[in-house]
């Protein structure tokens, strides 16, 4: 699956993303609106990760879905 499919079906996938990254709130997930860079930025902010670490986590999550 590619990110365009995730973004197009964000309402379906935001719950899966939120269960994976439990520190992200409903408001956070609504703000992401399927944008990969926004999701990585929130992960970076909430979990204290580097940009590269957050992007790798998003990539790994994408591979699972």
PDB file of N, CA and C in Angstrom:
ATOM      1  N   UNK A   1       0.842  -1.178   0.000  1.00  0.00           N
ATOM      2  CA  UNK A   1       0.000   0.000   0.000  1.00  0.00           C
ATOM      3  C   UNK A   1       0.888   1.242   0.000  1.00  0.00           C
ATOM      4  N   UNK A   2       0.412   2.280  -0.650  1.00  0.00           N
ATOM      5  CA  UNK A   2       1.186   3.511  -0.654  1.00  0.00           C
ATOM      6  C   UNK A   2       0.466   4.590   0.164  1.00  0.00           C
ATOM      7  N   UNK A   3       1.160   5.685   0.395  1.00  0.00           N
ATOM      8  CA  UNK A   3       0.610   6.710   1.267  1.00  0.00           C
ATOM      9  C   UNK A   3      -0.627   7.372   0.658  1.00  0.00           C
ATOM     10  N   UNK A   4      -0.734   7.454  -0.652  1.00  0.00           N
ATOM     11  CA  UNK A   4      -1.921   8.039  -1.281  1.00  0.00           C
ATOM     12  C   UNK A   4      -3.182   7.277  -0.886  1.00  0.00           C
ATOM     13  N   UNK A   5      -3.071   5.967  -0.765  1.00  0.00           N
ATOM     14  CA  UNK A   5      -4.216   5.155  -0.351  1.00  0.00           C
ATOM     15  C   UNK A   5      -4.570   5.432   1.110  1.00  0.00           C
ATOM     16  N   UNK A   6      -3.553   5.583   1.956  1.00  0.00           N
ATOM     17  CA  UNK A   6      -3.789   5.909   3.365  1.00  0.00           C
ATOM     18  C   UNK A   6      -4.471   7.273   3.459  1.00  0.00           C
ATOM     19  N   UNK A   7      -3.929   8.252   2.749  1.00  0.00           N
ATOM     20  CA  UNK A   7      -4.478   9.604   2.799  1.00  0.00           C
ATOM     21  C   UNK A   7      -5.921   9.634   2.297  1.00  0.00           C
ATOM     22  N   UNK A   8      -6.202   8.888   1.256  1.00  0.00           N
ATOM     23  CA  UNK A   8      -7.548   8.853   0.702  1.00  0.00           C
ATOM     24  C   UNK A   8      -8.562   8.208   1.616  1.00  0.00           C
ATOM     25  N   UNK A   9      -8.107   7.336   2.477  1.00  0.00           N
ATOM     26  CA  UNK A   9      -8.983   6.623   3.414  1.00  0.00           C
ATOM     27  C   UNK A   9      -8.600   6.947   4.863  1.00  0.00           C
ATOM     28  N   UNK A  10      -8.215   8.191   5.113  1.00  0.00           N
ATOM     29  CA  UNK A  10      -7.673   8.568   6.418  1.00  0.00           C
ATOM     30  C   UNK A  10      -8.645   8.272   7.547  1.00  0.00           C
ATOM     31  N   UNK A  11      -9.934   8.466   7.340  1.00  0.00           N
ATOM     32  CA  UNK A  11     -10.900   8.206   8.417  1.00  0.00           C
ATOM     33  C   UNK A  11     -10.816   6.755   8.871  1.00  0.00           C
ATOM     34  N   UNK A  12     -10.556   5.870   7.949  1.00  0.00           N
ATOM     35  CA  UNK A  12     -10.423   4.446   8.279  1.00  0.00           C
ATOM     36  C   UNK A  12      -9.102   4.158   8.995  1.00  0.00           C
ATOM     37  N   UNK A  13      -8.037   4.811   8.547  1.00  0.00           N
ATOM     38  CA  UNK A  13      -6.709   4.491   9.067  1.00  0.00           C
ATOM     39  C   UNK A  13      -6.305   5.291  10.295  1.00  0.00           C
ATOM     40  N   UNK A  14      -6.976   6.396  10.567  1.00  0.00           N
ATOM     41  CA  UNK A  14      -6.538   7.217  11.697  1.00  0.00           C
ATOM     42  C   UNK A  14      -6.692   6.481  13.023  1.00  0.00           C
ATOM     43  N   UNK A  15      -7.695   5.625  13.153  1.00  0.00           N
ATOM     44  CA  UNK A  15      -7.846   4.833  14.374  1.00  0.00           C
ATOM     45  C   UNK A  15      -6.715   3.840  14.546  1.00  0.00           C
ATOM     46  N   UNK A  16      -6.292   3.246  13.438  1.00  0.00           N
ATOM     47  CA  UNK A  16      -5.170   2.312  13.490  1.00  0.00           C
ATOM     48  C   UNK A  16      -3.888   3.046  13.855  1.00  0.00           C
ATOM     49  N   UNK A  17      -3.714   4.240  13.289  1.00  0.00           N
ATOM     50  CA  UNK A  17      -2.526   5.026  13.607  1.00  0.00           C
ATOM     51  C   UNK A  17      -2.548   5.461  15.067  1.00  0.00           C
ATOM     52  N   UNK A  18      -3.716   5.860  15.540  1.00  0.00           N
ATOM     53  CA  UNK A  18      -3.824   6.319  16.925  1.00  0.00           C
ATOM     54  C   UNK A  18      -3.594   5.169  17.899  1.00  0.00           C
ATOM     55  N   UNK A  19      -4.030   3.984  17.567  1.00  0.00           N
ATOM     56  CA  UNK A  19      -3.767   2.856  18.466  1.00  0.00           C
ATOM     57  C   UNK A  19      -2.288   2.493  18.469  1.00  0.00           C
ATOM     58  N   UNK A  20      -1.616   2.735  17.356  1.00  0.00           N
ATOM     59  CA  UNK A  20      -0.174   2.465  17.278  1.00  0.00           C
ATOM     60  C   UNK A  20       0.619   3.517  18.047  1.00  0.00           C
ATOM     61  N   UNK A  21       0.243   4.773  17.906  1.00  0.00           N
ATOM     62  CA  UNK A  21       0.899   5.877  18.613  1.00  0.00           C
ATOM     63  C   UNK A  21      -0.097   6.447  19.604  1.00  0.00           C
ATOM     64  N   UNK A  22      -0.175   5.838  20.765  1.00  0.00           N
ATOM     65  CA  UNK A  22      -1.185   6.163  21.765  1.00  0.00           C
ATOM     66  C   UNK A  22      -1.136   7.571  22.324  1.00  0.00           C
ATOM     67  N   UNK A  23      -0.014   8.249  22.200  1.00  0.00           N
ATOM     68  CA  UNK A  23       0.075   9.615  22.712  1.00  0.00           C
ATOM     69  C   UNK A  23      -0.615  10.630  21.804  1.00  0.00           C
ATOM     70  N   UNK A  24      -0.971  10.211  20.602  1.00  0.00           N
ATOM     71  CA  UNK A  24      -1.637  11.120  19.675  1.00  0.00           C
ATOM     72  C   UNK A  24      -3.133  11.146  19.978  1.00  0.00           C
ATOM     73  N   UNK A  25      -3.676  12.328  20.108  1.00  0.00           N
ATOM     74  CA  UNK A  25      -5.085  12.506  20.458  1.00  0.00           C
ATOM     75  C   UNK A  25      -5.960  12.503  19.202  1.00  0.00           C
ATOM     76  N   UNK A  26      -7.269  12.488  19.439  1.00  0.00           N
ATOM     77  CA  UNK A  26      -8.206  12.594  18.315  1.00  0.00           C
ATOM     78  C   UNK A  26      -7.986  13.899  17.560  1.00  0.00           C
ATOM     79  N   UNK A  27      -7.754  14.978  18.302  1.00  0.00           N
ATOM     80  CA  UNK A  27      -7.501  16.263  17.654  1.00  0.00           C
ATOM     81  C   UNK A  27      -6.233  16.215  16.807  1.00  0.00           C
ATOM     82  N   UNK A  28      -5.202  15.545  17.326  1.00  0.00           N
ATOM     83  CA  UNK A  28      -3.965  15.387  16.554  1.00  0.00           C
ATOM     84  C   UNK A  28      -4.247  14.660  15.248  1.00  0.00           C
ATOM     85  N   UNK A  29      -5.004  13.581  15.349  1.00  0.00           N
ATOM     86  CA  UNK A  29      -5.275  12.772  14.167  1.00  0.00           C
ATOM     87  C   UNK A  29      -6.136  13.530  13.153  1.00  0.00           C
ATOM     88  N   UNK A  30      -7.061  14.352  13.653  1.00  0.00           N
ATOM     89  CA  UNK A  30      -7.861  15.174  12.742  1.00  0.00           C
ATOM     90  C   UNK A  30      -6.982  16.212  12.053  1.00  0.00           C
ATOM     91  N   UNK A  31      -6.015  16.740  12.775  1.00  0.00           N
ATOM     92  CA  UNK A  31      -5.116  17.743  12.211  1.00  0.00           C
ATOM     93  C   UNK A  31      -4.217  17.137  11.127  1.00  0.00           C
ATOM     94  N   UNK A  32      -3.853  15.884  11.279  1.00  0.00           N
ATOM     95  CA  UNK A  32      -3.000  15.203  10.294  1.00  0.00           C
ATOM     96  C   UNK A  32      -3.699  15.137   8.937  1.00  0.00           C
ATOM     97  N   UNK A  33      -4.986  14.804   8.942  1.00  0.00           N
ATOM     98  CA  UNK A  33      -5.784  14.710   7.715  1.00  0.00           C
ATOM     99  C   UNK A  33      -5.102  13.896   6.622  1.00  0.00           C
ATOM    100  N   UNK A  34      -4.396  12.855   7.003  1.00  0.00           N
ATOM    101  CA  UNK A  34      -3.776  11.974   6.018  1.00  0.00           C
ATOM    102  C   UNK A  34      -2.435  12.444   5.484  1.00  0.00           C
ATOM    103  N   UNK A  35      -1.911  13.522   6.014  1.00  0.00           N
ATOM    104  CA  UNK A  35      -0.623  14.036   5.533  1.00  0.00           C
ATOM    105  C   UNK A  35       0.519  13.342   6.280  1.00  0.00           C
ATOM    106  N   UNK A  36       1.351  12.686   5.523  1.00  0.00           N
ATOM    107  CA  UNK A  36       2.456  11.908   6.088  1.00  0.00           C
ATOM    108  C   UNK A  36       3.416  12.778   6.887  1.00  0.00           C
ATOM    109  N   UNK A  37       3.794  13.931   6.352  1.00  0.00           N
ATOM    110  CA  UNK A  37       4.760  14.784   7.043  1.00  0.00           C
ATOM    111  C   UNK A  37       4.186  15.335   8.338  1.00  0.00           C
ATOM    112  N   UNK A  38       2.891  15.612   8.355  1.00  0.00           N
ATOM    113  CA  UNK A  38       2.239  16.087   9.581  1.00  0.00           C
ATOM    114  C   UNK A  38       2.250  14.987  10.646  1.00  0.00           C
ATOM    115  N   UNK A  39       1.975  13.749  10.242  1.00  0.00           N
ATOM    116  CA  UNK A  39       2.005  12.629  11.174  1.00  0.00           C
ATOM    117  C   UNK A  39       3.407  12.439  11.735  1.00  0.00           C
ATOM    118  N   UNK A  40       4.398  12.460  10.876  1.00  0.00           N
ATOM    119  CA  UNK A  40       5.787  12.304  11.335  1.00  0.00           C
ATOM    120  C   UNK A  40       6.167  13.437  12.280  1.00  0.00           C
ATOM    121  N   UNK A  41       5.724  14.641  11.992  1.00  0.00           N
ATOM    122  CA  UNK A  41       6.022  15.772  12.855  1.00  0.00           C
ATOM    123  C   UNK A  41       5.409  15.630  14.235  1.00  0.00           C
ATOM    124  N   UNK A  42       4.186  15.139  14.299  1.00  0.00           N
ATOM    125  CA  UNK A  42       3.548  14.925  15.598  1.00  0.00           C
ATOM    126  C   UNK A  42       4.238  13.821  16.390  1.00  0.00           C
ATOM    127  N   UNK A  43       4.641  12.763  15.702  1.00  0.00           N
ATOM    128  CA  UNK A  43       5.369  11.678  16.368  1.00  0.00           C
ATOM    129  C   UNK A  43       6.683  12.215  16.917  1.00  0.00           C
ATOM    130  N   UNK A  44       7.341  13.012  16.125  1.00  0.00           N
ATOM    131  CA  UNK A  44       8.606  13.632  16.549  1.00  0.00           C
ATOM    132  C   UNK A  44       8.375  14.475  17.800  1.00  0.00           C
ATOM    133  N   UNK A  45       7.343  15.277  17.796  1.00  0.00           N
ATOM    134  CA  UNK A  45       7.047  16.174  18.903  1.00  0.00           C
ATOM    135  C   UNK A  45       6.610  15.418  20.158  1.00  0.00           C
ATOM    136  N   UNK A  46       5.661  14.510  20.032  1.00  0.00           N
ATOM    137  CA  UNK A  46       5.074  13.834  21.197  1.00  0.00           C
ATOM    138  C   UNK A  46       5.997  12.786  21.812  1.00  0.00           C
ATOM    139  N   UNK A  47       6.843  12.177  20.974  1.00  0.00           N
ATOM    140  CA  UNK A  47       7.693  11.094  21.460  1.00  0.00           C
ATOM    141  C   UNK A  47       9.158  11.488  21.584  1.00  0.00           C
ATOM    142  N   UNK A  48       9.497  12.715  21.246  1.00  0.00           N
ATOM    143  CA  UNK A  48      10.878  13.168  21.370  1.00  0.00           C
ATOM    144  C   UNK A  48      11.828  12.469  20.413  1.00  0.00           C
ATOM    145  N   UNK A  49      11.342  12.146  19.238  1.00  0.00           N
ATOM    146  CA  UNK A  49      12.157  11.452  18.232  1.00  0.00           C
ATOM    147  C   UNK A  49      12.792  12.470  17.292  1.00  0.00           C
ATOM    148  N   UNK A  50      13.821  12.028  16.600  1.00  0.00           N
ATOM    149  CA  UNK A  50      14.378  12.860  15.537  1.00  0.00           C
ATOM    150  C   UNK A  50      13.453  12.755  14.326  1.00  0.00           C
ATOM    151  N   UNK A  51      13.629  13.652  13.396  1.00  0.00           N
ATOM    152  CA  UNK A  51      12.825  13.626  12.172  1.00  0.00           C
ATOM    153  C   UNK A  51      12.996  12.296  11.447  1.00  0.00           C
ATOM    154  N   UNK A  52      14.230  11.830  11.375  1.00  0.00           N
ATOM    155  CA  UNK A  52      14.520  10.574  10.682  1.00  0.00           C
ATOM    156  C   UNK A  52      13.865   9.392  11.385  1.00  0.00           C
ATOM    157  N   UNK A  53      13.933   9.367  12.717  1.00  0.00           N
ATOM    158  CA  UNK A  53      13.308   8.271  13.473  1.00  0.00           C
ATOM    159  C   UNK A  53      11.798   8.255  13.260  1.00  0.00           C
ATOM    160  N   UNK A  54      11.179   9.426  13.316  1.00  0.00           N
ATOM    161  CA  UNK A  54       9.735   9.515  13.132  1.00  0.00           C
ATOM    162  C   UNK A  54       9.339   9.064  11.731  1.00  0.00           C
ATOM    163  N   UNK A  55      10.093   9.473  10.731  1.00  0.00           N
ATOM    164  CA  UNK A  55       9.779   9.061   9.363  1.00  0.00           C
ATOM    165  C   UNK A  55       9.948   7.565   9.177  1.00  0.00           C
ATOM    166  N   UNK A  56      10.951   6.978   9.816  1.00  0.00           N
ATOM    167  CA  UNK A  56      11.135   5.526   9.746  1.00  0.00           C
ATOM    168  C   UNK A  56       9.970   4.795  10.399  1.00  0.00           C
ATOM    169  N   UNK A  57       9.463   5.335  11.519  1.00  0.00           N
ATOM    170  CA  UNK A  57       8.306   4.719  12.172  1.00  0.00           C
ATOM    171  C   UNK A  57       7.080   4.770  11.277  1.00  0.00           C
ATOM    172  N   UNK A  58       6.874   5.901  10.615  1.00  0.00           N
ATOM    173  CA  UNK A  58       5.737   6.030   9.703  1.00  0.00           C
ATOM    174  C   UNK A  58       5.890   5.047   8.549  1.00  0.00           C
ATOM    175  N   UNK A  59       7.094   4.921   8.009  1.00  0.00           N
ATOM    176  CA  UNK A  59       7.340   3.975   6.914  1.00  0.00           C
ATOM    177  C   UNK A  59       7.074   2.539   7.358  1.00  0.00           C
ATOM    178  N   UNK A  60       7.527   2.196   8.569  1.00  0.00           N
ATOM    179  CA  UNK A  60       7.299   0.841   9.082  1.00  0.00           C
ATOM    180  C   UNK A  60       5.820   0.578   9.278  1.00  0.00           C
ATOM    181  N   UNK A  61       5.081   1.569   9.788  1.00  0.00           N
ATOM    182  CA  UNK A  61       3.649   1.422   9.979  1.00  0.00           C
ATOM    183  C   UNK A  61       2.954   1.249   8.635  1.00  0.00           C
ATOM    184  N   UNK A  62       3.392   2.006   7.648  1.00  0.00           N
ATOM    185  CA  UNK A  62       2.809   1.918   6.308  1.00  0.00           C
ATOM    186  C   UNK A  62       2.986   0.522   5.727  1.00  0.00           C
ATOM    187  N   UNK A  63       4.140  -0.072   5.931  1.00  0.00           N
ATOM    188  CA  UNK A  63       4.393  -1.416   5.407  1.00  0.00           C
ATOM    189  C   UNK A  63       3.452  -2.443   6.004  1.00  0.00           C
ATOM    190  N   UNK A  64       3.013  -2.240   7.250  1.00  0.00           N
ATOM    191  CA  UNK A  64       2.102  -3.172   7.906  1.00  0.00           C
ATOM    192  C   UNK A  64       0.678  -3.054   7.368  1.00  0.00           C
ATOM    193  N   UNK A  65       0.379  -1.932   6.752  1.00  0.00           N
ATOM    194  CA  UNK A  65      -0.989  -1.692   6.298  1.00  0.00           C
ATOM    195  C   UNK A  65      -0.965  -1.547   4.810  1.00  0.00           C
TER     196      UNK A  65
END
